[in-house]
Protein backbone atom coordinates (compact mmCIF):
# COMPACT_ATOMS: atom_id res chain seq x y z
CA MET A 1 69.97 78.77 94.52
CA LEU A 2 72.50 80.42 96.97
CA MET A 3 70.15 80.27 100.01
CA LEU A 4 68.99 76.55 99.68
CA ALA A 5 72.03 74.62 100.71
CA LEU A 6 72.58 73.26 104.00
CA CYS A 7 75.34 70.65 103.84
CA PHE A 8 77.85 68.53 105.27
CA SER A 9 80.28 70.05 108.18
CA ALA A 10 83.93 70.94 107.64
CA THR A 11 85.99 70.20 111.08
CA ALA A 12 86.50 73.00 113.37
CA SER A 13 90.45 72.35 113.02
CA LEU A 14 90.20 72.63 109.12
CA TRP A 15 88.92 76.20 109.54
CA ALA A 16 91.24 76.85 112.59
CA GLN A 17 94.26 76.54 110.32
CA LYS A 18 96.08 79.41 108.57
CA ILE A 19 94.12 79.98 105.41
CA ASP A 20 97.10 79.73 103.27
CA ASN A 21 95.33 77.08 100.96
CA LEU A 22 92.27 79.14 100.20
CA VAL A 23 91.70 77.87 96.73
CA GLU A 24 91.68 74.17 98.02
CA LEU A 25 89.33 75.15 101.09
CA LYS A 26 86.85 76.96 98.49
CA GLN A 27 86.66 73.85 96.45
CA GLN A 28 86.03 71.47 99.56
CA SER A 29 83.63 73.70 101.14
CA LYS A 30 79.72 72.76 101.22
CA ASN A 31 78.83 76.45 102.13
CA PRO A 32 76.76 77.83 99.32
CA LEU A 33 78.54 81.19 99.32
CA PHE A 34 82.07 80.40 99.93
CA HIS A 35 82.30 77.55 97.59
CA HIS A 36 81.08 79.84 94.79
CA LEU A 37 83.36 82.68 95.48
CA ALA A 38 85.40 83.56 92.18
CA PRO A 39 88.74 85.20 91.87
CA ALA A 40 88.35 88.82 92.70
CA PRO A 41 89.42 91.88 90.27
CA LYS A 42 92.52 93.59 91.86
CA ALA A 43 91.30 96.90 90.82
CA PRO A 44 88.94 98.55 93.36
CA ALA A 45 84.98 98.55 92.75
CA PHE A 46 85.25 102.13 94.08
CA GLU A 47 87.89 104.10 95.79
CA CYS A 48 87.99 107.90 96.61
CA GLU A 49 91.29 109.91 96.71
CA ASP A 50 91.84 111.76 100.08
CA TYR A 51 89.08 109.78 101.70
CA TRP A 52 88.53 106.55 103.35
CA SER A 53 85.92 104.70 101.87
CA TRP A 54 83.72 101.83 103.81
CA GLY A 55 80.73 99.71 103.29
CA SER A 56 78.69 99.81 100.18
CA SER A 57 75.15 98.77 98.61
CA VAL A 58 74.40 98.50 94.99
CA VAL A 59 71.31 98.78 93.18
CA LYS A 60 70.20 98.57 89.30
CA GLY A 61 68.58 101.74 88.16
CA GLY A 62 65.87 102.14 85.88
CA ASP A 63 68.49 103.86 83.50
CA GLY A 64 70.05 100.30 83.37
CA LYS A 65 73.29 101.49 85.14
CA TYR A 66 74.44 100.19 88.70
CA HIS A 67 74.29 102.63 91.50
CA MET A 68 76.63 102.26 94.52
CA PHE A 69 75.77 104.09 97.75
CA VAL A 70 79.18 104.16 99.92
CA SER A 71 80.56 105.83 103.05
CA ARG A 72 83.43 108.12 102.73
CA PHE A 73 85.28 110.52 105.36
CA PRO A 74 88.53 112.77 104.82
CA LYS A 75 91.77 110.94 105.49
CA SER A 76 92.65 114.29 107.23
CA LEU A 77 90.98 112.08 110.25
CA PRO A 78 92.12 108.86 111.48
CA PHE A 79 90.02 105.88 110.08
CA HIS A 80 88.83 104.70 113.46
CA PRO A 81 86.92 106.89 114.82
CA GLY A 82 86.80 109.13 111.81
CA TRP A 83 83.54 107.68 110.46
CA MET A 84 81.79 108.49 113.51
CA VAL A 85 82.15 112.10 113.40
CA ALA A 86 82.65 112.96 109.62
CA SER A 87 81.41 110.33 107.19
CA GLU A 88 78.98 110.96 104.39
CA ILE A 89 77.11 108.84 102.06
CA VAL A 90 78.04 109.24 98.44
CA HIS A 91 76.50 107.89 95.18
CA ALA A 92 78.62 106.32 92.37
CA VAL A 93 77.96 104.83 88.96
CA SER A 94 79.04 101.93 86.66
CA ASP A 95 77.70 100.22 83.51
CA VAL A 96 78.61 97.07 85.00
CA PRO A 97 78.02 95.40 88.47
CA GLN A 98 81.73 94.82 89.06
CA GLY A 99 82.59 98.36 88.19
CA PRO A 100 84.62 100.47 88.49
CA TYR A 101 82.16 102.91 89.91
CA GLN A 102 82.69 106.49 89.36
CA PHE A 103 81.72 109.18 91.98
CA SER A 104 78.64 111.11 91.02
CA ASP A 105 77.48 113.05 93.96
CA VAL A 106 77.11 113.21 97.62
CA ALA A 107 73.76 111.67 98.64
CA LEU A 108 73.85 112.37 102.10
CA PRO A 109 76.10 115.29 103.38
CA ALA A 110 76.33 116.46 106.81
CA ARG A 111 73.48 118.94 107.59
CA GLY A 112 74.35 120.42 111.08
CA ALA A 113 74.67 119.49 114.65
CA GLN A 114 70.91 120.23 115.49
CA TYR A 115 69.83 116.93 113.52
CA TRP A 116 70.18 113.77 114.89
CA ASP A 117 72.18 112.53 111.63
CA GLY A 118 73.76 116.06 111.23
CA ARG A 119 77.52 114.94 111.52
CA SER A 120 77.80 111.33 110.22
CA THR A 121 75.83 109.35 107.69
CA HIS A 122 77.25 105.83 107.37
CA ASN A 123 76.39 102.08 106.54
CA PRO A 124 74.14 102.66 103.83
CA ARG A 125 71.69 99.97 102.33
CA ILE A 126 69.91 100.98 99.19
CA LEU A 127 66.28 99.40 98.24
CA LYS A 128 64.00 100.09 95.33
CA HIS A 129 60.39 99.47 95.71
CA ASN A 130 57.62 100.82 93.71
CA GLN A 131 59.63 102.92 91.43
CA LYS A 132 61.23 104.71 94.58
CA TYR A 133 64.49 104.43 96.17
CA TYR A 134 65.01 103.91 99.79
CA LEU A 135 68.37 104.54 101.83
CA ILE A 136 68.48 103.11 105.29
CA TYR A 137 71.44 104.08 107.16
CA MET A 138 73.22 104.70 110.32
CA GLY A 139 73.36 108.61 111.40
CA SER A 140 75.02 110.37 114.57
CA THR A 141 75.79 113.92 115.70
CA HIS A 142 77.78 115.83 118.05
CA PRO A 143 77.94 119.62 119.19
CA PHE A 144 81.59 120.25 118.83
CA ALA A 145 83.73 121.87 116.13
CA ASP A 146 85.58 119.67 113.95
CA PRO A 147 88.67 117.88 115.39
CA THR A 148 92.19 117.61 114.23
CA TYR A 149 93.94 114.28 113.55
CA ASN A 150 95.51 113.97 116.85
CA GLU A 151 92.46 115.30 118.77
CA LEU A 152 90.23 112.46 117.56
CA THR A 153 90.78 109.25 119.63
CA LEU A 154 88.50 106.58 120.88
CA THR A 155 88.19 108.30 124.23
CA SER A 156 87.83 112.02 123.06
CA PRO A 157 84.60 114.09 123.22
CA TRP A 158 84.00 113.74 119.83
CA CYS A 159 83.85 109.90 119.79
CA ILE A 160 82.08 109.50 123.19
CA VAL A 161 79.35 111.65 122.05
CA ALA A 162 78.99 110.53 118.40
CA ARG A 163 79.26 106.75 119.29
CA SER A 164 76.29 107.17 122.04
CA ASN A 165 74.22 109.10 119.25
CA LYS A 166 74.21 106.45 116.63
CA GLN A 167 70.68 105.50 115.38
CA ILE A 168 69.08 104.08 112.18
CA GLY A 169 67.33 106.49 109.62
CA LEU A 170 65.91 106.41 106.37
CA ALA A 171 65.88 108.66 103.29
CA VAL A 172 63.47 108.43 100.00
CA SER A 173 64.16 109.76 96.44
CA ASP A 174 62.46 109.18 93.16
CA SER A 175 65.95 108.74 91.59
CA PRO A 176 69.19 107.41 92.60
CA TYR A 177 70.63 110.76 91.88
CA GLY A 178 68.45 112.50 94.27
CA PRO A 179 67.44 114.64 95.93
CA TRP A 180 66.76 112.82 99.16
CA LYS A 181 64.42 113.50 101.73
CA ARG A 182 65.53 112.36 105.02
CA ALA A 183 63.16 111.38 107.81
CA ASN A 184 63.29 114.05 110.72
CA GLN A 185 63.67 111.25 113.27
CA PRO A 186 65.42 107.99 113.43
CA ILE A 187 63.20 104.96 112.37
CA LEU A 188 65.01 102.77 114.88
CA GLY A 189 66.65 104.24 117.98
CA PRO A 190 67.76 102.85 121.39
CA LYS A 191 65.46 101.51 123.96
CA PRO A 192 65.94 101.59 127.77
CA GLU A 193 66.91 98.16 129.65
CA THR A 194 67.34 96.28 126.16
CA PHE A 195 70.35 95.16 124.41
CA TYR A 196 70.29 98.25 122.25
CA SER A 197 69.99 100.95 125.08
CA PHE A 198 73.13 102.58 124.17
CA PHE A 199 72.64 102.68 120.29
CA THR A 200 71.44 101.07 117.01
CA SER A 201 73.65 100.80 113.84
CA ASN A 202 74.64 98.46 110.81
CA PRO A 203 70.85 98.15 109.53
CA SER A 204 70.35 95.28 106.92
CA PRO A 205 66.58 95.42 105.58
CA VAL A 206 64.62 93.30 103.23
CA ILE A 207 61.26 94.21 101.52
CA GLN A 208 59.00 91.48 101.79
CA GLU A 209 56.37 90.45 99.09
CA ASP A 210 53.60 92.36 101.08
CA GLY A 211 55.74 95.47 101.24
CA SER A 212 56.60 94.88 105.00
CA VAL A 213 60.34 95.09 106.10
CA MET A 214 62.28 92.75 108.09
CA MET A 215 65.74 94.29 109.28
CA ILE A 216 68.72 92.89 111.41
CA PHE A 217 70.74 95.45 113.12
CA LYS A 218 73.37 95.94 115.72
CA GLY A 219 72.99 97.05 119.13
CA ARG A 220 75.02 97.89 122.21
CA ALA A 221 73.69 98.07 125.77
CA HIS A 222 74.65 100.68 128.50
CA THR A 223 76.53 99.08 131.56
CA GLU A 224 78.05 100.62 134.61
CA ASN A 225 80.36 103.20 134.83
CA GLY A 226 79.23 104.81 131.43
CA LYS A 227 80.45 101.79 129.53
CA TYR A 228 78.77 99.88 126.89
CA SER A 229 78.26 96.05 126.33
CA GLY A 230 79.75 93.83 123.36
CA MET A 231 77.95 93.78 119.88
CA SER A 232 74.62 91.76 119.53
CA LEU A 233 72.39 91.37 116.68
CA GLY A 234 68.61 92.03 116.78
CA ILE A 235 65.63 91.98 114.11
CA ALA A 236 63.03 94.63 113.63
CA TYR A 237 59.74 94.69 111.61
CA ALA A 238 57.72 97.29 109.96
CA PRO A 239 54.60 97.31 108.11
CA SER A 240 55.93 99.43 105.33
CA ILE A 241 59.55 100.82 104.82
CA GLU A 242 58.50 104.02 106.25
CA GLY A 243 57.81 102.20 109.68
CA PRO A 244 57.07 102.13 112.54
CA TYR A 245 59.65 99.59 113.35
CA THR A 246 59.18 97.07 116.32
CA VAL A 247 62.06 94.90 117.54
CA LEU A 248 61.13 91.27 117.64
CA ASN A 249 61.77 88.33 120.03
CA ASN A 250 60.71 90.33 123.02
CA ASP A 251 63.57 92.93 122.56
CA GLN A 252 65.91 90.11 122.85
CA PRO A 253 68.90 89.78 120.47
CA ILE A 254 68.84 86.91 117.81
CA PHE A 255 72.73 86.72 117.87
CA GLN A 256 74.23 87.62 121.17
CA VAL A 257 77.67 87.91 123.17
CA ASP A 258 76.95 85.09 125.52
CA GLY A 259 75.85 82.81 122.82
CA GLN A 260 77.36 83.50 119.32
CA GLY A 261 80.17 85.81 120.63
CA GLU A 262 80.16 89.35 119.38
CA ALA A 263 78.96 89.72 116.00
CA GLU A 264 78.35 92.64 113.51
CA ASP A 265 78.19 93.58 109.85
CA PRO A 266 75.07 91.35 109.06
CA PHE A 267 73.57 91.05 105.37
CA LEU A 268 70.10 89.65 105.36
CA TRP A 269 68.03 88.28 102.48
CA LYS A 270 65.14 86.00 101.95
CA GLY A 271 64.34 83.40 99.69
CA ALA A 272 61.83 80.17 99.10
CA ALA A 273 63.62 78.49 101.95
CA GLY A 274 63.23 81.59 104.43
CA TYR A 275 65.76 84.22 105.70
CA HIS A 276 69.39 84.05 105.58
CA VAL A 277 72.31 86.29 106.74
CA ILE A 278 75.92 86.46 106.72
CA PHE A 279 77.80 88.31 109.31
CA LYS A 280 81.27 89.12 110.70
CA ASP A 281 82.73 86.40 113.22
CA HIS A 282 84.10 88.93 115.34
CA VAL A 283 85.77 86.45 117.87
CA ALA A 284 86.30 83.62 115.46
CA LYS A 285 83.47 81.39 117.36
CA TYR A 286 82.35 79.54 114.19
CA THR A 287 85.00 79.84 111.64
CA GLY A 288 88.35 79.82 113.47
CA GLU A 289 89.34 82.96 111.72
CA ARG A 290 88.78 86.35 113.50
CA GLY A 291 86.89 88.55 111.12
CA GLY A 292 85.86 85.76 108.81
CA GLY A 293 82.19 85.37 107.49
CA VAL A 294 79.40 83.19 109.21
CA MET A 295 76.26 81.84 107.33
CA ALA A 296 72.86 81.34 109.22
CA HIS A 297 69.40 80.41 108.17
CA SER A 298 66.07 81.04 109.67
CA THR A 299 62.34 80.34 108.84
CA ASP A 300 60.89 83.19 110.82
CA GLY A 301 63.66 85.63 111.23
CA ILE A 302 63.82 85.19 114.85
CA ASN A 303 65.06 81.50 115.53
CA TRP A 304 68.31 80.84 113.67
CA ALA A 305 70.45 78.02 112.97
CA VAL A 306 74.07 78.55 111.61
CA ASP A 307 74.88 76.55 108.54
CA LYS A 308 76.44 73.19 108.99
CA ASP A 309 79.53 74.54 107.05
CA PRO A 310 79.43 77.92 108.30
CA LYS A 311 82.36 79.69 106.93
CA ALA A 312 80.85 82.15 104.14
CA TYR A 313 83.98 84.18 103.53
CA SER A 314 87.63 84.86 104.57
CA LYS A 315 89.82 87.81 104.86
CA THR A 316 92.19 85.73 102.70
CA ILE A 317 91.28 86.81 99.10
CA GLU A 318 92.05 84.97 95.76
CA TRP A 319 92.84 87.46 93.30
CA GLU A 320 92.35 87.26 89.51
CA ASN A 321 96.06 87.79 88.89
CA GLY A 322 96.69 84.42 90.87
CA GLU A 323 97.77 86.08 93.90
CA VAL A 324 96.18 84.79 97.30
CA ALA A 325 96.62 87.24 100.27
CA MET A 326 95.17 88.40 103.60
CA GLN A 327 93.43 91.89 103.65
CA GLY A 328 94.04 94.03 106.70
CA GLN A 329 90.22 94.23 107.06
CA LEU A 330 87.37 92.74 105.15
CA GLU A 331 83.90 94.01 106.68
CA ARG A 332 80.48 95.10 105.51
CA PRO A 333 79.34 92.28 103.17
CA PHE A 334 76.61 92.87 100.53
CA ILE A 335 75.42 90.60 97.98
CA LEU A 336 73.90 91.90 94.92
CA PHE A 337 70.97 89.85 93.25
CA GLU A 338 69.93 90.12 89.69
CA ASN A 339 66.54 88.21 88.64
CA ASN A 340 66.71 86.80 92.14
CA LYS A 341 70.26 85.18 91.59
CA PRO A 342 73.26 86.21 93.51
CA THR A 343 75.82 87.46 91.22
CA HIS A 344 78.45 89.54 93.29
CA VAL A 345 79.66 90.02 96.85
CA PHE A 346 80.92 93.49 97.82
CA PHE A 347 83.20 94.18 100.65
CA ALA A 348 84.73 97.12 102.42
CA THR A 349 88.44 96.35 102.77
CA MET A 350 91.88 97.74 103.91
CA ASP A 351 95.50 97.07 103.32
CA GLY A 352 97.97 96.71 106.13
CA PRO A 353 98.55 93.97 108.71
CA GLY A 354 95.21 94.17 110.35
CA GLU A 355 93.56 96.51 113.00
CA PHE A 356 92.45 100.08 111.70
CA GLU A 357 95.14 101.94 112.62
CA ASN A 358 97.75 100.06 110.46
CA GLY A 359 95.78 100.75 107.21
CA THR A 360 96.96 103.46 104.82
CA ARG A 361 94.21 103.19 102.16
CA SER A 362 90.66 101.68 102.20
CA TRP A 363 88.20 100.77 99.11
CA ASN A 364 85.18 98.79 98.24
CA MET A 365 85.90 95.50 96.35
CA VAL A 366 83.85 92.87 94.63
CA ILE A 367 84.00 89.19 94.33
CA PRO A 368 81.99 87.82 91.43
CA LEU A 369 79.97 84.40 92.25
CA LYS A 370 80.50 81.50 90.09
């Protein structure tokens, strides 16, 4: 199985080189994910006209169809930080896991500034358990009128307030088509004097055999002069998906700036050998590629060892039509499992030469696993 391999190391210099021989590198890799990435369909798994789309999660429903939950926000705002102030989670459906997924409905729309998640819902993770569907997501709010494209910047009041209000929430439904009942309060918010005192975001949960939940999340801490720290990853536990959630490891991160360098976009899963995660190598510490993917393993969810061949994916993609090309962005990995076997990896992606301000379109793509 995907999670069982811990194999020989490739040298750092191999990964540090420009990845223009991707096919050969994948063939030589001992990483249990990177080695098995098949060529990707060029057609988007999901794309929405007049919207930026970003980050998806997929579940097979009782109707036999595949249900994607994905963030979208209008192109009338810049991509970054448009998602912080105007994102909504929508639902799309396909007969096959690779898509294309057709828009169905808005699952979690804006619902007013007075709610903790009233102006933005983002980072969806969909789970099915005991015939119910659970959406764990990031929400935020702000009290201002909608900004214009030019007004919304990283230093504007909209962004400053919305960023600091990011927290993790839960919605429940009997059907992937809704209606969704949202929790009135976040399930995991900031805590003073911790690595997540500024915000909580990027949730990636797994429901365990006894119904309890382990959830990796991203946090930032308050620093001096109204600033915030780099990104760290922590892990929380709850006896059931409804909570309450407790951050483990004595409120210390499991992947931190001073150790692993900044990390984000985790995807967590559990198998016979324990817990496994892939995450974005934000500063190229392990893979030699800024934005490449890292794989790590743990027996308890707290103490982690990076895979001996750590590179799990690359921003350079091998397409089914034979092209090999680097994406402007490649984030938010999600692995679909069927019958306990990994079958597809979904990503949010963007065109352009890199950095969010250079993209003209974004979509959600899928890579089948060989």
